[in-house]
N, C-alpha and C. Protein backbone atom coordinates (compact mmCIF):
# COMPACT_ATOMS: atom_id res chain seq x y z
N MET A 1 78.66 155.78 131.83
CA MET A 1 77.26 155.44 132.11
C MET A 1 76.72 155.68 130.54
N LYS A 2 75.98 154.80 129.94
CA LYS A 2 75.45 155.08 128.62
C LYS A 2 73.82 155.39 128.85
N ILE A 3 73.24 156.31 128.18
CA ILE A 3 71.91 156.56 128.36
C ILE A 3 71.29 156.10 127.08
N LYS A 4 70.22 155.27 127.37
CA LYS A 4 69.47 154.95 126.13
C LYS A 4 69.09 155.91 125.18
N ASN A 5 69.32 155.87 123.75
CA ASN A 5 68.95 156.77 123.14
C ASN A 5 67.81 156.77 122.29
N THR A 6 66.85 157.35 122.70
CA THR A 6 65.42 157.45 122.35
C THR A 6 65.07 159.09 122.21
N LYS A 7 63.80 159.54 121.30
CA LYS A 7 63.69 160.65 121.20
C LYS A 7 63.00 161.29 122.53
N GLN A 8 62.67 160.33 123.39
CA GLN A 8 61.87 160.88 124.53
C GLN A 8 62.86 161.34 125.55
N ASN A 9 63.92 160.58 125.49
CA ASN A 9 64.99 160.83 126.40
C ASN A 9 65.87 162.10 126.15
N LEU A 10 65.57 162.94 124.73
CA LEU A 10 66.21 164.11 124.52
C LEU A 10 65.82 165.17 125.50
N HIS A 11 64.41 165.02 126.13
CA HIS A 11 63.96 165.99 127.04
C HIS A 11 64.47 165.75 128.52
N PHE A 12 65.35 164.84 128.53
CA PHE A 12 65.78 164.73 130.08
C PHE A 12 66.78 165.78 130.36
N SER A 13 66.43 166.62 131.38
CA SER A 13 67.25 167.80 131.47
C SER A 13 68.13 167.57 132.85
N ALA A 14 69.21 168.41 132.78
CA ALA A 14 70.32 168.35 133.91
C ALA A 14 69.49 168.34 135.47
N THR A 15 68.47 169.35 135.51
CA THR A 15 68.02 169.40 136.61
C THR A 15 67.19 167.92 137.11
N LEU A 16 66.61 167.53 136.29
CA LEU A 16 66.03 166.15 136.64
C LEU A 16 67.12 165.11 136.93
N ARG A 17 68.44 164.94 136.26
CA ARG A 17 69.25 164.30 136.56
C ARG A 17 69.68 164.34 137.77
N GLY A 18 69.88 165.53 138.26
CA GLY A 18 70.25 165.82 139.76
C GLY A 18 69.25 165.39 140.66
N LEU A 19 68.11 165.39 140.46
CA LEU A 19 67.10 165.20 141.37
C LEU A 19 67.00 163.76 141.50
N LEU A 20 67.00 162.91 140.30
CA LEU A 20 67.12 161.43 140.44
C LEU A 20 68.15 161.12 141.19
N ALA A 21 69.51 161.68 140.87
CA ALA A 21 70.62 161.04 141.77
C ALA A 21 70.45 161.39 143.00
N ALA A 22 69.96 162.63 143.48
CA ALA A 22 69.82 162.97 144.95
C ALA A 22 68.93 162.04 145.62
N SER A 23 67.67 161.37 144.87
CA SER A 23 66.67 160.74 145.48
C SER A 23 67.18 159.51 145.82
N PHE A 24 68.32 158.79 145.05
CA PHE A 24 68.47 157.48 145.24
C PHE A 24 69.05 157.35 146.56
N PHE A 25 69.76 158.46 147.02
CA PHE A 25 70.58 158.57 148.36
C PHE A 25 69.39 158.31 149.50
N ALA A 26 68.36 158.93 149.07
CA ALA A 26 67.04 159.06 150.05
C ALA A 26 66.82 157.65 150.65
N MET A 27 67.21 156.70 149.86
CA MET A 27 67.14 155.19 150.20
C MET A 27 67.69 154.74 151.52
N VAL A 28 68.90 155.57 151.81
CA VAL A 28 69.52 155.19 152.92
C VAL A 28 69.54 156.39 154.00
N SER A 29 68.67 157.19 154.01
CA SER A 29 68.49 158.33 154.71
C SER A 29 67.94 158.21 156.09
N GLY A 30 67.88 157.10 156.64
CA GLY A 30 67.25 156.81 157.96
C GLY A 30 68.28 156.42 159.04
N SER A 31 67.71 156.04 160.28
CA SER A 31 68.82 155.62 161.28
C SER A 31 70.10 156.23 160.89
N SER A 32 71.10 155.38 161.33
CA SER A 32 72.64 156.01 160.90
C SER A 32 72.49 155.40 159.74
N ILE A 33 71.64 154.68 159.18
CA ILE A 33 71.75 154.23 157.68
C ILE A 33 71.73 155.40 156.87
N ALA A 34 71.95 156.44 157.44
CA ALA A 34 72.40 157.49 156.59
C ALA A 34 71.74 158.91 157.17
N GLN A 35 72.68 159.56 157.95
CA GLN A 35 72.74 160.94 158.53
C GLN A 35 73.18 161.66 157.65
N ASN A 36 73.88 161.15 156.48
CA ASN A 36 74.84 162.01 155.74
C ASN A 36 74.34 162.26 154.48
N THR A 37 72.96 162.20 154.14
CA THR A 37 72.56 162.40 152.74
C THR A 37 72.31 163.57 152.28
N GLN A 38 72.59 164.89 153.23
CA GLN A 38 72.25 166.09 152.85
C GLN A 38 73.56 166.83 152.47
N ASN A 39 74.85 166.35 152.51
CA ASN A 39 75.95 166.89 152.32
C ASN A 39 76.88 166.19 151.37
N GLY A 40 77.76 166.76 150.64
CA GLY A 40 78.69 166.22 149.73
C GLY A 40 77.83 166.04 148.48
N PRO A 41 78.99 165.56 147.39
CA PRO A 41 78.75 165.07 146.19
C PRO A 41 78.11 163.88 146.20
N ILE A 42 77.05 163.77 145.18
CA ILE A 42 76.43 162.16 144.97
C ILE A 42 77.18 161.68 143.63
N GLN A 43 77.73 160.36 143.62
CA GLN A 43 78.25 159.70 142.53
C GLN A 43 77.32 158.64 142.09
N VAL A 44 76.85 158.77 140.74
CA VAL A 44 75.90 157.68 140.52
C VAL A 44 76.60 156.91 139.43
N THR A 45 76.73 155.69 139.36
CA THR A 45 77.24 154.83 138.30
C THR A 45 76.42 153.54 137.78
N ALA A 46 76.13 153.36 136.56
CA ALA A 46 75.50 152.33 136.11
C ALA A 46 75.87 151.94 134.79
N SER A 47 75.70 150.84 134.26
CA SER A 47 75.98 150.49 132.88
C SER A 47 74.80 151.38 131.91
N LEU A 48 73.81 151.41 132.16
CA LEU A 48 72.80 151.90 131.62
C LEU A 48 71.73 152.75 132.34
N MET A 49 71.47 153.97 131.78
CA MET A 49 70.38 154.82 132.43
C MET A 49 69.16 154.94 131.12
N ASP A 50 68.00 154.55 131.38
CA ASP A 50 66.76 154.50 130.75
C ASP A 50 65.75 155.52 131.15
N VAL A 51 65.48 156.71 130.52
CA VAL A 51 64.66 157.49 131.07
C VAL A 51 63.44 157.24 130.46
N GLN A 52 62.12 156.88 131.05
CA GLN A 52 60.98 156.71 130.39
C GLN A 52 59.87 157.50 130.81
N PRO A 53 59.88 158.98 130.00
CA PRO A 53 58.92 159.93 130.46
C PRO A 53 57.61 159.54 130.36
N GLN A 54 57.16 158.52 129.43
CA GLN A 54 55.76 158.16 129.52
C GLN A 54 55.28 157.64 130.71
N ASN A 55 56.26 156.92 131.53
CA ASN A 55 55.87 156.06 132.77
C ASN A 55 56.40 156.95 133.89
N ASN A 56 56.99 158.46 133.74
CA ASN A 56 57.31 158.99 134.84
C ASN A 56 58.40 158.22 135.71
N SER A 57 59.39 157.52 134.83
CA SER A 57 60.36 156.74 135.72
C SER A 57 61.77 156.87 134.91
N ALA A 58 62.84 156.42 135.72
CA ALA A 58 63.93 156.26 135.09
C ALA A 58 64.60 154.88 135.68
N ILE A 59 65.34 154.27 134.81
CA ILE A 59 65.84 152.92 135.18
C ILE A 59 67.48 153.28 135.33
N PHE A 60 68.15 152.72 136.30
CA PHE A 60 69.56 152.55 136.32
C PHE A 60 69.89 151.11 136.34
N SER A 61 70.67 150.51 135.50
CA SER A 61 70.78 149.12 135.65
C SER A 61 72.15 148.85 135.36
N GLY A 62 72.76 147.60 135.48
CA GLY A 62 73.97 147.32 135.44
C GLY A 62 75.00 147.64 136.54
N ASN A 63 74.98 146.91 137.71
CA ASN A 63 75.83 147.37 138.60
C ASN A 63 75.48 148.79 139.38
N ALA A 64 74.51 149.09 139.38
CA ALA A 64 74.15 150.30 139.72
C ALA A 64 74.68 150.71 141.19
N GLU A 65 75.32 151.87 141.38
CA GLU A 65 75.82 152.39 142.49
C GLU A 65 75.77 153.72 142.85
N VAL A 66 75.29 153.98 144.09
CA VAL A 66 75.17 155.28 144.50
C VAL A 66 75.95 155.74 145.70
N ILE A 67 77.00 156.70 145.78
CA ILE A 67 78.02 156.96 146.72
C ILE A 67 77.75 158.38 147.14
N GLN A 68 77.91 158.34 148.52
CA GLN A 68 77.99 159.96 149.01
C GLN A 68 78.62 159.82 150.40
N ASN A 69 79.51 160.62 150.55
CA ASN A 69 80.23 160.62 151.90
C ASN A 69 80.64 159.46 152.51
N GLY A 70 81.27 158.64 151.81
CA GLY A 70 81.62 157.40 152.30
C GLY A 70 80.65 156.10 152.53
N ALA A 71 79.52 156.49 152.26
CA ALA A 71 78.36 155.48 152.34
C ALA A 71 77.93 155.19 150.80
N ALA A 72 77.49 153.91 150.54
CA ALA A 72 77.12 153.55 149.21
C ALA A 72 76.05 152.46 149.05
N ILE A 73 75.28 152.71 148.21
CA ILE A 73 74.18 151.65 147.98
C ILE A 73 74.13 150.91 146.84
N ARG A 74 74.09 149.71 146.64
CA ARG A 74 74.37 149.00 145.37
C ARG A 74 73.36 147.87 145.14
N SER A 75 72.88 147.70 143.72
CA SER A 75 72.06 146.77 143.32
C SER A 75 72.19 146.55 141.85
N ALA A 76 71.69 145.53 141.27
CA ALA A 76 71.89 145.36 139.85
C ALA A 76 71.09 146.45 139.07
N LYS A 77 69.88 146.91 139.80
CA LYS A 77 69.05 147.90 139.15
C LYS A 77 68.12 148.63 140.16
N PHE A 78 68.15 149.93 139.85
CA PHE A 78 67.28 150.94 140.50
C PHE A 78 66.15 151.27 139.70
N VAL A 79 64.89 151.44 139.83
CA VAL A 79 63.85 152.08 139.23
C VAL A 79 63.45 153.38 140.01
N VAL A 80 63.31 154.43 139.43
CA VAL A 80 63.02 155.85 140.13
C VAL A 80 61.59 156.20 139.60
N PHE A 81 60.85 156.60 140.26
CA PHE A 81 59.37 156.82 139.96
C PHE A 81 59.26 158.25 140.39
N TYR A 82 58.79 159.29 139.36
CA TYR A 82 58.66 160.72 140.01
C TYR A 82 57.44 160.96 139.44
N ASN A 83 56.93 162.13 140.00
CA ASN A 83 55.69 162.68 139.52
C ASN A 83 55.63 163.30 138.09
N GLY A 84 54.59 163.45 137.41
CA GLY A 84 54.53 163.94 136.10
C GLY A 84 54.36 165.20 135.98
N ALA A 85 54.42 166.11 137.17
CA ALA A 85 54.26 167.58 137.19
C ALA A 85 55.29 168.46 136.79
N GLY A 86 56.43 167.72 136.32
CA GLY A 86 57.50 168.48 135.75
C GLY A 86 58.56 169.15 136.48
N ASP A 87 58.34 168.91 137.98
CA ASP A 87 59.46 169.24 138.83
C ASP A 87 60.22 168.28 139.23
N GLY A 88 60.16 166.98 138.95
CA GLY A 88 61.09 165.97 138.90
C GLY A 88 61.09 165.26 140.45
N LYS A 89 59.98 165.61 141.18
CA LYS A 89 59.92 165.04 142.64
C LYS A 89 59.72 163.66 142.58
N ILE A 90 60.53 162.96 143.35
CA ILE A 90 60.49 161.71 143.54
C ILE A 90 59.46 161.07 144.44
N GLN A 91 58.75 160.16 143.81
CA GLN A 91 57.54 159.35 144.48
C GLN A 91 58.17 158.03 145.34
N LYS A 92 59.08 157.42 144.40
CA LYS A 92 59.60 156.01 144.91
C LYS A 92 60.81 155.55 144.27
N VAL A 93 61.65 154.96 144.90
CA VAL A 93 62.87 154.14 144.29
C VAL A 93 62.84 152.67 144.63
N VAL A 94 62.85 151.90 143.81
CA VAL A 94 62.63 150.46 143.83
C VAL A 94 63.79 149.66 143.30
N SER A 95 64.36 148.67 144.30
CA SER A 95 65.34 147.75 143.67
C SER A 95 64.64 146.23 143.97
N ASP A 96 64.31 145.74 142.90
CA ASP A 96 63.89 144.37 143.00
C ASP A 96 64.86 143.14 142.97
N SER A 97 66.03 143.39 143.20
CA SER A 97 67.17 142.36 143.35
C SER A 97 68.01 142.74 144.67
N GLU A 98 68.86 141.92 144.81
CA GLU A 98 69.76 142.06 146.09
C GLU A 98 70.15 143.45 146.20
N THR A 99 70.08 144.14 147.49
CA THR A 99 70.42 145.44 147.73
C THR A 99 71.54 145.34 148.66
N PHE A 100 72.54 146.32 148.55
CA PHE A 100 73.47 146.37 149.60
C PHE A 100 73.82 147.86 150.09
N TYR A 101 73.73 148.19 151.33
CA TYR A 101 74.16 149.38 151.76
C TYR A 101 75.42 149.39 152.70
N ALA A 102 76.23 150.25 152.61
CA ALA A 102 77.42 150.15 153.35
C ALA A 102 77.76 151.52 153.94
N SER A 103 78.26 151.92 155.12
CA SER A 103 78.82 153.13 155.62
C SER A 103 80.06 152.64 156.37
N PRO A 104 80.78 153.64 156.93
CA PRO A 104 82.08 153.30 157.76
C PRO A 104 81.43 152.59 159.05
N THR A 105 80.03 152.70 159.38
CA THR A 105 79.71 152.05 160.82
C THR A 105 78.63 151.15 160.63
N GLU A 106 78.07 151.06 159.48
CA GLU A 106 76.81 150.11 159.27
C GLU A 106 76.92 149.41 157.78
N LYS A 107 76.19 148.22 157.90
CA LYS A 107 75.76 147.59 156.63
C LYS A 107 74.42 146.99 156.65
N ALA A 108 73.82 146.88 155.56
CA ALA A 108 72.56 146.41 155.52
C ALA A 108 72.37 145.62 154.06
N ARG A 109 71.76 144.57 153.97
CA ARG A 109 71.50 143.94 152.62
C ARG A 109 69.99 143.25 152.97
N GLY A 110 69.55 143.12 151.75
CA GLY A 110 68.03 142.56 151.68
C GLY A 110 67.92 142.05 150.29
N ASP A 111 67.21 141.13 149.95
CA ASP A 111 66.65 140.73 148.66
C ASP A 111 66.05 141.81 147.72
N ARG A 112 65.28 142.84 148.58
CA ARG A 112 64.88 143.81 147.67
C ARG A 112 64.82 145.16 148.67
N ALA A 113 64.65 146.45 148.22
CA ALA A 113 64.73 147.65 148.75
C ALA A 113 63.60 148.37 148.20
N VAL A 114 62.81 149.36 148.97
CA VAL A 114 62.09 150.24 148.44
C VAL A 114 62.13 151.61 149.17
N PHE A 115 62.39 152.75 148.75
CA PHE A 115 62.14 154.20 149.25
C PHE A 115 60.77 154.66 149.00
N ASP A 116 60.11 154.98 150.02
CA ASP A 116 58.67 155.60 149.57
C ASP A 116 58.77 156.97 150.11
N ALA A 117 58.83 157.96 149.23
CA ALA A 117 59.03 159.48 149.60
C ALA A 117 57.85 159.78 150.37
N ALA A 118 56.63 159.55 150.04
CA ALA A 118 55.49 159.92 150.64
C ALA A 118 55.26 159.57 152.07
N ASN A 119 55.93 158.57 152.48
CA ASN A 119 55.60 157.83 153.59
C ASN A 119 57.22 157.92 154.62
N ASN A 120 58.14 158.61 153.74
CA ASN A 120 59.33 158.72 154.47
C ASN A 120 60.16 157.40 154.95
N THR A 121 59.87 156.52 154.33
CA THR A 121 60.31 155.11 154.79
C THR A 121 61.32 154.37 153.59
N ILE A 122 62.06 153.65 154.38
CA ILE A 122 63.03 152.71 153.42
C ILE A 122 62.57 151.46 153.92
N ILE A 123 62.45 150.43 153.11
CA ILE A 123 62.14 149.19 153.44
C ILE A 123 62.92 147.98 152.77
N PHE A 124 63.71 147.40 153.62
CA PHE A 124 64.54 146.35 153.09
C PHE A 124 63.87 145.03 153.49
N THR A 125 63.48 144.16 152.43
CA THR A 125 62.74 142.79 152.44
C THR A 125 63.67 141.71 152.05
N GLY A 126 63.27 140.41 152.59
CA GLY A 126 63.74 139.19 152.32
C GLY A 126 65.40 139.13 152.84
N ASN A 127 65.33 138.20 153.64
CA ASN A 127 66.77 137.80 154.14
C ASN A 127 67.63 139.25 154.58
N VAL A 128 66.95 139.84 155.44
CA VAL A 128 67.58 141.21 155.86
C VAL A 128 68.79 140.95 156.94
N ILE A 129 69.82 141.49 156.86
CA ILE A 129 70.97 141.63 157.67
C ILE A 129 71.37 142.98 157.81
N LEU A 130 71.35 143.34 159.15
CA LEU A 130 71.93 144.71 159.47
C LEU A 130 73.14 144.49 160.65
N THR A 131 74.02 145.07 160.11
CA THR A 131 75.41 145.13 161.11
C THR A 131 75.71 146.66 161.38
N GLN A 132 76.20 146.41 162.67
CA GLN A 132 76.76 147.86 163.17
C GLN A 132 77.97 147.33 163.93
N ASN A 133 79.09 147.80 163.65
CA ASN A 133 80.44 147.33 164.41
C ASN A 133 80.37 145.77 164.35
N ARG A 134 80.33 145.12 165.64
CA ARG A 134 80.01 143.58 165.40
C ARG A 134 78.69 143.17 165.85
N ASN A 135 77.69 144.06 166.19
CA ASN A 135 76.49 143.74 166.35
C ASN A 135 75.65 143.26 165.00
N VAL A 136 75.02 142.26 164.98
CA VAL A 136 74.27 141.69 164.00
C VAL A 136 72.67 141.64 164.43
N LEU A 137 71.92 142.02 163.43
CA LEU A 137 70.48 141.79 163.63
C LEU A 137 69.89 141.09 162.15
N THR A 138 69.11 140.20 162.42
CA THR A 138 68.58 139.30 161.05
C THR A 138 66.94 139.30 161.18
N GLY A 139 66.44 139.36 160.19
CA GLY A 139 65.13 139.37 160.12
C GLY A 139 64.60 139.27 158.52
N ASP A 140 63.19 139.50 158.18
CA ASP A 140 62.61 139.66 156.92
C ASP A 140 62.47 140.90 156.54
N GLU A 141 62.26 141.60 157.39
CA GLU A 141 61.74 143.09 156.96
C GLU A 141 62.66 144.19 157.74
N LEU A 142 63.29 145.28 157.33
CA LEU A 142 63.73 146.31 158.15
C LEU A 142 62.96 147.64 157.47
N ARG A 143 62.30 148.16 158.46
CA ARG A 143 61.50 149.57 158.01
C ARG A 143 62.22 150.58 158.79
N VAL A 144 62.57 151.77 158.00
CA VAL A 144 63.24 152.73 158.44
C VAL A 144 62.42 153.97 158.37
N ASN A 145 62.08 154.74 159.17
CA ASN A 145 61.57 156.10 159.08
C ASN A 145 62.67 157.12 158.99
N THR A 146 62.68 157.80 157.49
CA THR A 146 63.98 158.79 157.37
C THR A 146 63.86 159.88 158.06
N ILE A 147 62.75 160.37 158.75
CA ILE A 147 62.56 161.67 159.33
C ILE A 147 62.85 161.18 160.96
N THR A 148 62.10 160.35 161.60
CA THR A 148 62.32 160.06 162.99
C THR A 148 63.61 159.16 163.43
N LYS A 149 64.06 158.46 162.36
CA LYS A 149 65.24 157.53 162.53
C LYS A 149 64.86 156.41 163.23
N GLN A 150 63.58 156.10 163.37
CA GLN A 150 63.14 154.83 164.14
C GLN A 150 63.13 153.71 162.86
N SER A 151 63.73 152.47 163.60
CA SER A 151 63.85 151.25 162.67
C SER A 151 63.23 150.32 163.35
N VAL A 152 62.78 149.41 162.52
CA VAL A 152 61.81 148.30 162.97
C VAL A 152 62.12 146.96 162.13
N MET A 153 62.54 145.93 162.78
CA MET A 153 63.12 144.66 162.28
C MET A 153 61.87 143.76 162.33
N LYS A 154 61.22 142.99 161.38
CA LYS A 154 60.33 142.07 161.78
C LYS A 154 60.92 140.59 161.03
N SER A 155 60.12 139.61 161.44
CA SER A 155 60.40 138.23 160.84
C SER A 155 59.20 137.48 160.61
N ASN A 156 59.03 136.86 159.46
CA ASN A 156 57.75 136.20 159.22
C ASN A 156 57.77 134.80 160.04
N SER A 157 58.84 134.38 160.71
CA SER A 157 58.74 133.48 161.64
C SER A 157 58.41 133.91 163.12
N GLY A 158 58.39 135.17 163.33
CA GLY A 158 57.97 135.53 164.60
C GLY A 158 59.17 135.60 165.16
N LYS A 159 60.32 135.51 164.92
CA LYS A 159 61.73 135.75 165.76
C LYS A 159 62.65 136.54 165.06
N VAL A 160 62.88 137.80 165.35
CA VAL A 160 63.95 138.67 164.81
C VAL A 160 65.40 138.00 165.69
N LYS A 161 66.34 138.00 165.23
CA LYS A 161 67.59 137.30 165.86
C LYS A 161 68.71 138.50 165.68
N GLY A 162 69.37 138.41 167.08
CA GLY A 162 70.36 139.65 167.08
C GLY A 162 71.59 139.04 168.06
N VAL A 163 72.72 139.39 167.64
CA VAL A 163 73.82 139.25 168.49
C VAL A 163 74.45 140.75 168.64
N PHE A 164 74.64 141.00 170.11
CA PHE A 164 74.99 142.32 170.54
C PHE A 164 76.24 142.05 171.40
N PHE A 165 77.28 143.18 171.34
CA PHE A 165 78.49 143.13 172.00
C PHE A 165 78.26 144.48 172.79
N PRO A 166 77.51 144.51 173.85
CA PRO A 166 77.17 145.87 174.54
C PRO A 166 78.63 146.58 175.06
N ASN A 167 79.59 145.90 175.38
CA ASN A 167 80.79 146.54 175.65
C ASN A 167 81.66 147.08 174.64
N ASP A 168 81.43 146.83 173.52
CA ASP A 168 82.19 147.14 172.30
C ASP A 168 82.17 148.60 171.88
N ALA A 169 83.51 149.18 171.83
CA ALA A 169 83.50 150.54 171.37
C ALA A 169 83.66 150.51 169.86
N PRO A 170 83.19 151.49 169.18
CA PRO A 170 83.52 151.59 167.67
C PRO A 170 85.19 151.07 167.48
N PRO A 171 85.31 150.38 166.37
CA PRO A 171 86.78 150.12 166.03
C PRO A 171 87.85 151.47 166.01
N SER A 172 88.82 151.29 166.33
CA SER A 172 89.74 152.31 166.48
C SER A 172 90.59 152.15 165.27
N LYS A 173 91.04 153.38 164.88
CA LYS A 173 91.90 153.38 163.91
C LYS A 173 93.39 153.24 163.99
N PRO A 174 94.14 152.31 163.42
CA PRO A 174 95.46 151.96 164.00
C PRO A 174 96.33 153.31 163.98
N LYS A 175 97.12 153.10 164.85
CA LYS A 175 97.91 154.34 165.28
C LYS A 175 99.26 154.39 164.07
N LYS A 176 99.78 155.54 163.76
CA LYS A 176 100.78 155.43 162.79
C LYS A 176 102.16 155.65 163.53
């Protein structure tokens, strides 16, 4: 990862770097869309990281990806907004481009995604597809409460579409 070299970026501390990386994964910390955000190392990769202290933001761009405990979230760019109080507390993480989430049991995609820390929500919008095993749910907005794990799928056309396989067990691993 390259860090854009400006005088302002010289003040970027290791503590803030860790907080920013941890906050990314908060984007997927709802439903089973991620019950694994509290444990394990977090790996963040991107072509460029541009910290903008004057805007209280950091931009991770160029095939940005965050991985933790077998789950990953990917986008062309993530913008992390944090408060200016010096504690690095995250306010919001925004992806204005196609965003993908994948875990061993679930996958989600949307044209955009926002994690709002104050409201404990993750919102995928635009052509949203959520899959769990063979079950598929589609709509225009997926809203996940990261505390209660409640998920709501909405559709602008008034119809959320789903295909469910109620008797399906999770896929088993091949026997050796």
